[in-house]
Amino acid sequence: MPKRVDHDARREEIARAALRLCVREGLASVTIGRVAAEAAISKSLVQYYFPTKEALLRLAATTQRRDIETAVTAGLRPDDQPHITLRKVLLALVGLGSERLLASHAFLASAVVDPQLHRLYREGSSAATAAVARLVTEARDPAVTPHAEAEARILLGVAGALADARMLGEIGHEEAVAVLDLQLSRLLAGPA
């Protein structure tokens, strides 16, 4: 009896091999041949699933985005107060490992020239901004937070900068948490 192949799982396995290469050696190292070697499969099998490098990178970026979304939502509980959920989401972003950050930055650079990656990043950014803006509104009186989307962008920018600073060893986790908590306390306290 012939062996059954889970094609979706095989595609994801290949995409994850591309992600590992990207993290270790940069996006330029991601070639069909190198990905095949990383996944311990033939080059022709990679080409069967991904006729172009661009198609491979798109699935790798989609996989990366899904992994980040899973990491960010993993510790959330439906009964948490909105300000607790907001803090957990931002701390999860600050705590993303260097592998996820490196791959994300590499794909972001490619999104400038690849319309499909650009769309993927815009959708992800819009969804993150909307989710954080909703949490900002729920955590504070909407009348006191008329610019929830702008506040969300500020919080996401702070979280991203802190994640990068952690990755580069400029600050430790505790310092990053303290900076984030300072920004949150300013926002949640409202105008003086």
N, C-alpha and C. Protein backbone atom coordinates (compact mmCIF):
# COMPACT_ATOMS: atom_id res chain seq x y z
N MET A 1 0.84 -1.17 0.00
CA MET A 1 0.00 0.00 0.00
C MET A 1 0.89 1.25 0.00
N PRO A 2 0.61 2.22 -0.87
CA PRO A 2 1.44 3.41 -0.93
C PRO A 2 1.33 4.26 0.34
N LYS A 3 2.43 4.89 0.66
CA LYS A 3 2.47 5.74 1.85
C LYS A 3 1.67 7.02 1.59
N ARG A 4 0.83 7.42 2.55
CA ARG A 4 0.04 8.64 2.44
C ARG A 4 0.90 9.81 2.92
N VAL A 5 0.88 10.87 2.14
CA VAL A 5 1.67 12.05 2.47
C VAL A 5 0.74 13.19 2.83
N ASP A 6 1.01 13.82 3.95
CA ASP A 6 0.27 15.02 4.34
C ASP A 6 0.96 16.20 3.68
N HIS A 7 0.39 16.66 2.58
CA HIS A 7 1.04 17.70 1.78
C HIS A 7 1.14 19.02 2.53
N ASP A 8 0.14 19.35 3.32
CA ASP A 8 0.21 20.59 4.10
C ASP A 8 1.34 20.53 5.12
N ALA A 9 1.46 19.38 5.78
CA ALA A 9 2.54 19.22 6.76
C ALA A 9 3.90 19.28 6.07
N ARG A 10 4.01 18.69 4.88
CA ARG A 10 5.27 18.72 4.14
C ARG A 10 5.62 20.16 3.74
N ARG A 11 4.62 20.92 3.27
CA ARG A 11 4.87 22.33 2.92
C ARG A 11 5.35 23.11 4.15
N GLU A 12 4.70 22.88 5.28
CA GLU A 12 5.10 23.59 6.49
C GLU A 12 6.50 23.18 6.93
N GLU A 13 6.82 21.91 6.82
CA GLU A 13 8.17 21.43 7.15
C GLU A 13 9.22 22.15 6.30
N ILE A 14 8.93 22.30 5.03
CA ILE A 14 9.87 22.99 4.12
C ILE A 14 9.95 24.47 4.48
N ALA A 15 8.81 25.08 4.78
CA ALA A 15 8.79 26.50 5.16
C ALA A 15 9.59 26.72 6.44
N ARG A 16 9.47 25.80 7.38
CA ARG A 16 10.23 25.94 8.64
C ARG A 16 11.73 25.76 8.40
N ALA A 17 12.10 24.93 7.46
CA ALA A 17 13.52 24.82 7.10
C ALA A 17 14.02 26.15 6.54
N ALA A 18 13.19 26.80 5.72
CA ALA A 18 13.56 28.13 5.19
C ALA A 18 13.69 29.14 6.33
N LEU A 19 12.80 29.07 7.30
CA LEU A 19 12.88 29.98 8.46
C LEU A 19 14.18 29.76 9.24
N ARG A 20 14.53 28.50 9.46
CA ARG A 20 15.77 28.22 10.20
C ARG A 20 16.99 28.78 9.47
N LEU A 21 17.02 28.60 8.16
CA LEU A 21 18.13 29.15 7.36
C LEU A 21 18.16 30.67 7.46
N CYS A 22 17.00 31.27 7.33
CA CYS A 22 16.90 32.73 7.39
C CYS A 22 17.45 33.26 8.71
N VAL A 23 17.11 32.61 9.79
CA VAL A 23 17.56 33.05 11.11
C VAL A 23 19.06 32.88 11.26
N ARG A 24 19.57 31.74 10.82
CA ARG A 24 21.00 31.45 10.99
C ARG A 24 21.89 32.27 10.08
N GLU A 25 21.44 32.44 8.80
CA GLU A 25 22.37 32.99 7.81
C GLU A 25 21.80 34.16 7.00
N GLY A 26 20.59 34.57 7.29
CA GLY A 26 20.00 35.69 6.57
C GLY A 26 19.16 35.23 5.39
N LEU A 27 18.33 36.12 4.93
CA LEU A 27 17.37 35.79 3.87
C LEU A 27 18.07 35.43 2.56
N ALA A 28 19.22 36.03 2.29
CA ALA A 28 19.93 35.74 1.04
C ALA A 28 20.37 34.27 0.96
N SER A 29 20.49 33.62 2.11
CA SER A 29 20.93 32.22 2.12
C SER A 29 19.80 31.26 1.76
N VAL A 30 18.59 31.76 1.70
CA VAL A 30 17.44 30.88 1.45
C VAL A 30 17.32 30.65 -0.05
N THR A 31 17.86 29.52 -0.48
CA THR A 31 17.72 29.09 -1.87
C THR A 31 17.02 27.74 -1.85
N ILE A 32 16.49 27.35 -2.99
CA ILE A 32 15.81 26.06 -3.07
C ILE A 32 16.75 24.93 -2.65
N GLY A 33 17.98 24.97 -3.13
CA GLY A 33 18.95 23.93 -2.80
C GLY A 33 19.32 23.90 -1.33
N ARG A 34 19.53 25.06 -0.73
CA ARG A 34 19.91 25.12 0.68
C ARG A 34 18.74 24.69 1.57
N VAL A 35 17.53 25.07 1.17
CA VAL A 35 16.35 24.66 1.93
C VAL A 35 16.20 23.14 1.85
N ALA A 36 16.42 22.57 0.68
CA ALA A 36 16.34 21.12 0.53
C ALA A 36 17.34 20.44 1.47
N ALA A 37 18.54 20.94 1.53
CA ALA A 37 19.55 20.36 2.42
C ALA A 37 19.13 20.51 3.88
N GLU A 38 18.62 21.68 4.24
CA GLU A 38 18.18 21.93 5.61
C GLU A 38 17.04 21.00 6.01
N ALA A 39 16.13 20.73 5.07
CA ALA A 39 14.98 19.86 5.35
C ALA A 39 15.31 18.39 5.13
N ALA A 40 16.51 18.11 4.66
CA ALA A 40 16.96 16.73 4.38
C ALA A 40 16.03 16.04 3.37
N ILE A 41 15.70 16.78 2.32
CA ILE A 41 14.89 16.24 1.22
C ILE A 41 15.55 16.67 -0.09
N SER A 42 15.04 16.16 -1.19
CA SER A 42 15.64 16.50 -2.48
C SER A 42 15.20 17.89 -2.93
N LYS A 43 16.05 18.48 -3.75
CA LYS A 43 15.73 19.78 -4.33
C LYS A 43 14.46 19.69 -5.18
N SER A 44 14.30 18.60 -5.89
CA SER A 44 13.11 18.44 -6.73
C SER A 44 11.83 18.36 -5.90
N LEU A 45 11.92 17.83 -4.68
CA LEU A 45 10.74 17.78 -3.82
C LEU A 45 10.37 19.19 -3.35
N VAL A 46 11.37 19.99 -3.03
CA VAL A 46 11.09 21.40 -2.67
C VAL A 46 10.43 22.09 -3.86
N GLN A 47 10.95 21.88 -5.05
CA GLN A 47 10.39 22.51 -6.25
C GLN A 47 9.00 21.98 -6.58
N TYR A 48 8.70 20.77 -6.21
CA TYR A 48 7.37 20.22 -6.42
C TYR A 48 6.34 21.04 -5.61
N TYR A 49 6.70 21.36 -4.37
CA TYR A 49 5.80 22.11 -3.50
C TYR A 49 5.87 23.61 -3.72
N PHE A 50 7.05 24.10 -4.11
CA PHE A 50 7.26 25.53 -4.28
C PHE A 50 7.99 25.78 -5.61
N PRO A 51 7.25 26.13 -6.64
CA PRO A 51 7.89 26.32 -7.94
C PRO A 51 8.87 27.50 -7.97
N THR A 52 8.71 28.44 -7.03
CA THR A 52 9.62 29.58 -6.98
C THR A 52 10.07 29.83 -5.54
N LYS A 53 11.18 30.50 -5.42
CA LYS A 53 11.66 30.89 -4.10
C LYS A 53 10.66 31.84 -3.44
N GLU A 54 10.04 32.70 -4.23
CA GLU A 54 9.08 33.65 -3.70
C GLU A 54 7.90 32.94 -3.04
N ALA A 55 7.41 31.87 -3.69
CA ALA A 55 6.30 31.10 -3.12
C ALA A 55 6.71 30.48 -1.79
N LEU A 56 7.93 29.99 -1.72
CA LEU A 56 8.45 29.42 -0.48
C LEU A 56 8.53 30.48 0.61
N LEU A 57 9.06 31.64 0.27
CA LEU A 57 9.20 32.71 1.26
C LEU A 57 7.84 33.21 1.74
N ARG A 58 6.86 33.21 0.86
CA ARG A 58 5.52 33.65 1.28
C ARG A 58 4.95 32.70 2.32
N LEU A 59 5.09 31.40 2.10
CA LEU A 59 4.57 30.46 3.10
C LEU A 59 5.40 30.55 4.39
N ALA A 60 6.70 30.73 4.26
CA ALA A 60 7.54 30.87 5.45
C ALA A 60 7.11 32.10 6.26
N ALA A 61 6.82 33.21 5.58
CA ALA A 61 6.38 34.42 6.27
C ALA A 61 5.01 34.21 6.91
N THR A 62 4.12 33.51 6.22
CA THR A 62 2.80 33.21 6.78
C THR A 62 2.93 32.32 8.01
N THR A 63 3.81 31.35 7.95
CA THR A 63 4.07 30.45 9.08
C THR A 63 4.62 31.26 10.25
N GLN A 64 5.53 32.16 9.95
CA GLN A 64 6.13 33.02 10.97
C GLN A 64 5.05 33.86 11.65
N ARG A 65 4.19 34.46 10.87
CA ARG A 65 3.12 35.30 11.42
C ARG A 65 2.20 34.47 12.32
N ARG A 66 1.83 33.29 11.87
CA ARG A 66 0.96 32.41 12.67
C ARG A 66 1.65 32.03 13.98
N ASP A 67 2.94 31.75 13.93
CA ASP A 67 3.69 31.41 15.15
C ASP A 67 3.70 32.56 16.14
N ILE A 68 3.88 33.77 15.63
CA ILE A 68 3.90 34.95 16.51
C ILE A 68 2.52 35.16 17.13
N GLU A 69 1.48 35.05 16.32
CA GLU A 69 0.12 35.19 16.86
C GLU A 69 -0.15 34.16 17.95
N THR A 70 0.30 32.94 17.73
CA THR A 70 0.11 31.88 18.73
C THR A 70 0.88 32.21 20.00
N ALA A 71 2.12 32.68 19.86
CA ALA A 71 2.93 33.02 21.02
C ALA A 71 2.31 34.17 21.82
N VAL A 72 1.76 35.14 21.11
CA VAL A 72 1.19 36.31 21.77
C VAL A 72 -0.10 35.96 22.50
N THR A 73 -0.88 35.07 21.96
CA THR A 73 -2.17 34.75 22.58
C THR A 73 -2.12 33.56 23.54
N ALA A 74 -0.98 32.89 23.62
CA ALA A 74 -0.88 31.65 24.41
C ALA A 74 -1.26 31.83 25.88
N GLY A 75 -0.85 32.92 26.50
CA GLY A 75 -1.09 33.09 27.93
C GLY A 75 -2.35 33.86 28.28
N LEU A 76 -3.16 34.18 27.30
CA LEU A 76 -4.36 34.98 27.56
C LEU A 76 -5.48 34.11 28.11
N ARG A 77 -6.25 34.70 29.03
CA ARG A 77 -7.41 34.03 29.59
C ARG A 77 -8.63 34.92 29.38
N PRO A 78 -9.75 34.34 29.04
CA PRO A 78 -10.94 35.15 28.75
C PRO A 78 -11.44 35.95 29.95
N ASP A 79 -11.12 35.51 31.17
CA ASP A 79 -11.61 36.23 32.35
C ASP A 79 -10.66 37.32 32.84
N ASP A 80 -9.55 37.53 32.14
CA ASP A 80 -8.63 38.61 32.52
C ASP A 80 -9.27 39.98 32.28
N GLN A 81 -8.95 40.92 33.14
CA GLN A 81 -9.37 42.30 32.94
C GLN A 81 -8.65 42.84 31.69
N PRO A 82 -9.25 43.80 30.97
CA PRO A 82 -8.63 44.30 29.74
C PRO A 82 -7.21 44.84 29.93
N HIS A 83 -6.95 45.53 31.04
CA HIS A 83 -5.60 46.06 31.22
C HIS A 83 -4.58 44.94 31.45
N ILE A 84 -5.02 43.84 32.05
CA ILE A 84 -4.14 42.67 32.24
C ILE A 84 -3.86 42.01 30.89
N THR A 85 -4.91 41.85 30.09
CA THR A 85 -4.74 41.27 28.76
C THR A 85 -3.83 42.13 27.91
N LEU A 86 -4.02 43.44 27.96
CA LEU A 86 -3.17 44.37 27.20
C LEU A 86 -1.71 44.20 27.60
N ARG A 87 -1.44 44.14 28.88
CA ARG A 87 -0.06 43.97 29.35
C ARG A 87 0.51 42.63 28.90
N LYS A 88 -0.28 41.56 28.99
CA LYS A 88 0.20 40.23 28.57
C LYS A 88 0.55 40.20 27.08
N VAL A 89 -0.30 40.82 26.27
CA VAL A 89 -0.04 40.87 24.83
C VAL A 89 1.27 41.60 24.55
N LEU A 90 1.44 42.75 25.17
CA LEU A 90 2.65 43.54 24.92
C LEU A 90 3.90 42.84 25.47
N LEU A 91 3.78 42.22 26.64
CA LEU A 91 4.92 41.47 27.19
C LEU A 91 5.29 40.29 26.30
N ALA A 92 4.29 39.65 25.71
CA ALA A 92 4.59 38.55 24.78
C ALA A 92 5.37 39.06 23.58
N LEU A 93 5.00 40.24 23.08
CA LEU A 93 5.75 40.82 21.95
C LEU A 93 7.18 41.17 22.36
N VAL A 94 7.32 41.76 23.54
CA VAL A 94 8.67 42.10 24.03
C VAL A 94 9.50 40.84 24.22
N GLY A 95 8.85 39.75 24.62
CA GLY A 95 9.55 38.52 24.92
C GLY A 95 9.78 37.60 23.74
N LEU A 96 9.38 38.01 22.53
CA LEU A 96 9.63 37.15 21.37
C LEU A 96 11.11 36.86 21.27
N GLY A 97 11.44 35.64 20.99
CA GLY A 97 12.84 35.24 20.89
C GLY A 97 13.53 35.84 19.68
N SER A 98 14.84 35.84 19.72
CA SER A 98 15.61 36.44 18.63
C SER A 98 15.35 35.75 17.30
N GLU A 99 15.04 34.45 17.32
CA GLU A 99 14.76 33.75 16.06
C GLU A 99 13.54 34.35 15.37
N ARG A 100 12.47 34.56 16.12
CA ARG A 100 11.26 35.13 15.52
C ARG A 100 11.52 36.55 15.06
N LEU A 101 12.25 37.32 15.85
CA LEU A 101 12.53 38.71 15.48
C LEU A 101 13.40 38.81 14.23
N LEU A 102 14.44 37.99 14.17
CA LEU A 102 15.33 38.04 13.01
C LEU A 102 14.58 37.68 11.73
N ALA A 103 13.79 36.62 11.78
CA ALA A 103 13.03 36.23 10.61
C ALA A 103 12.02 37.30 10.24
N SER A 104 11.35 37.87 11.23
CA SER A 104 10.36 38.92 10.95
C SER A 104 11.00 40.12 10.28
N HIS A 105 12.14 40.54 10.77
CA HIS A 105 12.82 41.69 10.17
C HIS A 105 13.25 41.38 8.73
N ALA A 106 13.72 40.17 8.50
CA ALA A 106 14.13 39.80 7.14
C ALA A 106 12.94 39.82 6.20
N PHE A 107 11.82 39.27 6.64
CA PHE A 107 10.63 39.26 5.78
C PHE A 107 10.06 40.66 5.60
N LEU A 108 10.17 41.48 6.62
CA LEU A 108 9.69 42.86 6.49
C LEU A 108 10.45 43.58 5.39
N ALA A 109 11.76 43.38 5.32
CA ALA A 109 12.56 44.00 4.27
C ALA A 109 12.11 43.52 2.89
N SER A 110 11.79 42.25 2.78
CA SER A 110 11.31 41.71 1.50
C SER A 110 9.92 42.22 1.15
N ALA A 111 9.13 42.53 2.17
CA ALA A 111 7.76 43.00 1.93
C ALA A 111 7.73 44.34 1.20
N VAL A 112 8.82 45.05 1.25
CA VAL A 112 8.89 46.33 0.54
C VAL A 112 8.78 46.12 -0.96
N VAL A 113 9.32 45.01 -1.46
CA VAL A 113 9.33 44.79 -2.91
C VAL A 113 8.40 43.66 -3.38
N ASP A 114 7.87 42.87 -2.46
CA ASP A 114 6.99 41.76 -2.82
C ASP A 114 5.56 42.12 -2.42
N PRO A 115 4.68 42.37 -3.38
CA PRO A 115 3.31 42.80 -3.05
C PRO A 115 2.55 41.82 -2.16
N GLN A 116 2.76 40.52 -2.33
CA GLN A 116 2.03 39.56 -1.49
C GLN A 116 2.54 39.57 -0.05
N LEU A 117 3.86 39.67 0.12
CA LEU A 117 4.40 39.80 1.48
C LEU A 117 3.97 41.13 2.09
N HIS A 118 3.93 42.17 1.27
CA HIS A 118 3.49 43.48 1.74
C HIS A 118 2.06 43.40 2.27
N ARG A 119 1.19 42.74 1.53
CA ARG A 119 -0.20 42.57 1.95
C ARG A 119 -0.27 41.79 3.26
N LEU A 120 0.51 40.72 3.36
CA LEU A 120 0.54 39.91 4.57
C LEU A 120 0.94 40.75 5.78
N TYR A 121 1.98 41.56 5.62
CA TYR A 121 2.43 42.40 6.73
C TYR A 121 1.41 43.48 7.07
N ARG A 122 0.80 44.08 6.06
CA ARG A 122 -0.22 45.10 6.32
C ARG A 122 -1.40 44.50 7.06
N GLU A 123 -1.84 43.31 6.66
CA GLU A 123 -2.96 42.64 7.35
C GLU A 123 -2.59 42.35 8.80
N GLY A 124 -1.39 41.85 9.01
CA GLY A 124 -0.95 41.54 10.37
C GLY A 124 -0.85 42.78 11.23
N SER A 125 -0.29 43.84 10.67
CA SER A 125 -0.14 45.09 11.40
C SER A 125 -1.50 45.70 11.72
N SER A 126 -2.39 45.67 10.75
CA SER A 126 -3.74 46.22 10.97
C SER A 126 -4.49 45.43 12.04
N ALA A 127 -4.38 44.12 12.00
CA ALA A 127 -5.06 43.28 12.99
C ALA A 127 -4.48 43.52 14.38
N ALA A 128 -3.16 43.61 14.50
CA ALA A 128 -2.53 43.85 15.80
C ALA A 128 -2.93 45.22 16.34
N THR A 129 -2.90 46.21 15.48
CA THR A 129 -3.27 47.56 15.90
C THR A 129 -4.73 47.60 16.37
N ALA A 130 -5.63 46.98 15.61
CA ALA A 130 -7.04 46.97 15.99
C ALA A 130 -7.26 46.24 17.31
N ALA A 131 -6.57 45.11 17.50
CA ALA A 131 -6.73 44.34 18.75
C ALA A 131 -6.23 45.13 19.95
N VAL A 132 -5.07 45.77 19.80
CA VAL A 132 -4.52 46.55 20.91
C VAL A 132 -5.37 47.80 21.15
N ALA A 133 -5.86 48.43 20.10
CA ALA A 133 -6.73 49.61 20.26
C ALA A 133 -8.00 49.22 21.02
N ARG A 134 -8.56 48.06 20.70
CA ARG A 134 -9.75 47.58 21.42
C ARG A 134 -9.44 47.39 22.90
N LEU A 135 -8.28 46.81 23.19
CA LEU A 135 -7.90 46.61 24.59
C LEU A 135 -7.66 47.93 25.30
N VAL A 136 -7.07 48.89 24.61
CA VAL A 136 -6.86 50.23 25.19
C VAL A 136 -8.21 50.84 25.54
N THR A 137 -9.15 50.76 24.62
CA THR A 137 -10.49 51.32 24.85
C THR A 137 -11.18 50.62 26.01
N GLU A 138 -11.06 49.30 26.08
CA GLU A 138 -11.70 48.55 27.17
C GLU A 138 -11.02 48.81 28.52
N ALA A 139 -9.72 49.08 28.50
CA ALA A 139 -8.98 49.29 29.74
C ALA A 139 -9.20 50.68 30.32
N ARG A 140 -9.62 51.59 29.47
CA ARG A 140 -9.88 52.97 29.91
C ARG A 140 -11.25 53.40 29.45
N ASP A 141 -11.71 54.47 30.01
CA ASP A 141 -12.98 55.07 29.58
C ASP A 141 -12.79 55.59 28.16
N PRO A 142 -13.62 55.16 27.19
CA PRO A 142 -13.47 55.62 25.80
C PRO A 142 -13.48 57.14 25.66
N ALA A 143 -14.18 57.82 26.55
CA ALA A 143 -14.20 59.29 26.48
C ALA A 143 -12.84 59.88 26.81
N VAL A 144 -12.06 59.15 27.61
CA VAL A 144 -10.74 59.64 28.00
C VAL A 144 -9.68 59.17 27.01
N THR A 145 -10.00 58.20 26.16
CA THR A 145 -9.06 57.66 25.19
C THR A 145 -9.65 57.79 23.78
N PRO A 146 -9.78 59.03 23.28
CA PRO A 146 -10.38 59.19 21.97
C PRO A 146 -9.46 58.72 20.83
N HIS A 147 -8.19 58.54 21.12
CA HIS A 147 -7.22 58.18 20.09
C HIS A 147 -6.65 56.78 20.35
N ALA A 148 -7.54 55.82 20.52
CA ALA A 148 -7.11 54.47 20.88
C ALA A 148 -6.19 53.87 19.83
N GLU A 149 -6.45 54.13 18.56
CA GLU A 149 -5.59 53.56 17.51
C GLU A 149 -4.19 54.15 17.59
N ALA A 150 -4.09 55.45 17.81
CA ALA A 150 -2.76 56.07 17.95
C ALA A 150 -2.05 55.52 19.18
N GLU A 151 -2.79 55.36 20.29
CA GLU A 151 -2.18 54.79 21.50
C GLU A 151 -1.71 53.36 21.24
N ALA A 152 -2.50 52.60 20.48
CA ALA A 152 -2.11 51.23 20.14
C ALA A 152 -0.81 51.22 19.34
N ARG A 153 -0.71 52.12 18.37
CA ARG A 153 0.53 52.19 17.57
C ARG A 153 1.73 52.55 18.44
N ILE A 154 1.52 53.45 19.38
CA ILE A 154 2.61 53.82 20.30
C ILE A 154 3.03 52.60 21.11
N LEU A 155 2.06 51.90 21.69
CA LEU A 155 2.38 50.72 22.51
C LEU A 155 3.07 49.63 21.69
N LEU A 156 2.58 49.39 20.48
CA LEU A 156 3.21 48.38 19.62
C LEU A 156 4.63 48.82 19.23
N GLY A 157 4.81 50.11 18.99
CA GLY A 157 6.15 50.61 18.67
C GLY A 157 7.11 50.44 19.84
N VAL A 158 6.63 50.76 21.03
CA VAL A 158 7.46 50.58 22.23
C VAL A 158 7.80 49.10 22.42
N ALA A 159 6.81 48.23 22.29
CA ALA A 159 7.06 46.79 22.46
C ALA A 159 8.06 46.28 21.43
N GLY A 160 7.92 46.73 20.17
CA GLY A 160 8.85 46.31 19.13
C GLY A 160 10.27 46.79 19.39
N ALA A 161 10.39 48.05 19.81
CA ALA A 161 11.72 48.60 20.10
C ALA A 161 12.35 47.89 21.29
N LEU A 162 11.56 47.58 22.30
CA LEU A 162 12.09 46.85 23.46
C LEU A 162 12.51 45.43 23.08
N ALA A 163 11.74 44.79 22.23
CA ALA A 163 12.11 43.44 21.77
C ALA A 163 13.44 43.48 21.02
N ASP A 164 13.59 44.47 20.15
CA ASP A 164 14.85 44.61 19.41
C ASP A 164 16.01 44.89 20.36
N ALA A 165 15.80 45.77 21.34
CA ALA A 165 16.86 46.10 22.29
C ALA A 165 17.26 44.88 23.11
N ARG A 166 16.28 44.06 23.47
CA ARG A 166 16.59 42.81 24.18
C ARG A 166 17.41 41.88 23.29
N MET A 167 16.97 41.75 22.03
CA MET A 167 17.66 40.85 21.11
C MET A 167 19.12 41.27 20.95
N LEU A 168 19.37 42.57 20.92
CA LEU A 168 20.72 43.08 20.72
C LEU A 168 21.53 43.14 22.02
N GLY A 169 20.91 42.80 23.13
CA GLY A 169 21.61 42.82 24.41
C GLY A 169 21.77 44.20 25.01
N GLU A 170 21.02 45.17 24.51
CA GLU A 170 21.11 46.53 25.05
C GLU A 170 20.45 46.63 26.41
N ILE A 171 19.38 45.87 26.61
CA ILE A 171 18.69 45.85 27.89
C ILE A 171 18.30 44.42 28.20
N GLY A 172 18.06 44.17 29.46
CA GLY A 172 17.60 42.85 29.88
C GLY A 172 16.08 42.80 29.93
N HIS A 173 15.56 41.63 30.21
CA HIS A 173 14.11 41.44 30.24
C HIS A 173 13.45 42.32 31.32
N GLU A 174 14.03 42.35 32.51
CA GLU A 174 13.43 43.12 33.61
C GLU A 174 13.35 44.60 33.27
N GLU A 175 14.40 45.13 32.66
CA GLU A 175 14.38 46.54 32.27
C GLU A 175 13.34 46.80 31.19
N ALA A 176 13.22 45.88 30.26
CA ALA A 176 12.21 46.03 29.21
C ALA A 176 10.81 46.03 29.82
N VAL A 177 10.57 45.14 30.78
CA VAL A 177 9.27 45.09 31.45
C VAL A 177 9.01 46.40 32.19
N ALA A 178 10.03 46.93 32.85
CA ALA A 178 9.86 48.19 33.60
C ALA A 178 9.50 49.35 32.65
N VAL A 179 10.16 49.41 31.50
CA VAL A 179 9.85 50.47 30.53
C VAL A 179 8.42 50.31 30.01
N LEU A 180 8.04 49.09 29.68
CA LEU A 180 6.69 48.85 29.20
C LEU A 180 5.66 49.20 30.27
N ASP A 181 5.91 48.80 31.49
CA ASP A 181 4.98 49.12 32.58
C ASP A 181 4.86 50.62 32.81
N LEU A 182 5.95 51.34 32.65
CA LEU A 182 5.91 52.80 32.77
C LEU A 182 4.99 53.39 31.70
N GLN A 183 5.15 52.94 30.47
CA GLN A 183 4.30 53.45 29.38
C GLN A 183 2.84 53.09 29.63
N LEU A 184 2.58 51.87 30.05
CA LEU A 184 1.20 51.46 30.34
C LEU A 184 0.60 52.26 31.48
N SER A 185 1.38 52.51 32.54
CA SER A 185 0.85 53.26 33.67
C SER A 185 0.51 54.70 33.26
N ARG A 186 1.31 55.27 32.38
CA ARG A 186 1.00 56.61 31.88
C ARG A 186 -0.30 56.60 31.09
N LEU A 187 -0.45 55.62 30.24
CA LEU A 187 -1.65 55.54 29.42
C LEU A 187 -2.89 55.28 30.28
N LEU A 188 -2.80 54.31 31.18
CA LEU A 188 -3.97 53.92 31.94
C LEU A 188 -4.34 54.94 33.02
N ALA A 189 -3.37 55.74 33.46
CA ALA A 189 -3.67 56.78 34.45
C ALA A 189 -4.47 57.91 33.85
N GLY A 190 -4.30 58.11 32.56
CA GLY A 190 -5.05 59.17 31.88
C GLY A 190 -4.41 60.54 32.11
N PRO A 191 -5.09 61.58 31.63
CA PRO A 191 -4.53 62.92 31.77
C PRO A 191 -4.48 63.35 33.23
N ALA A 192 -3.43 64.08 33.53
CA ALA A 192 -3.24 64.52 34.93
C ALA A 192 -4.21 65.61 35.30
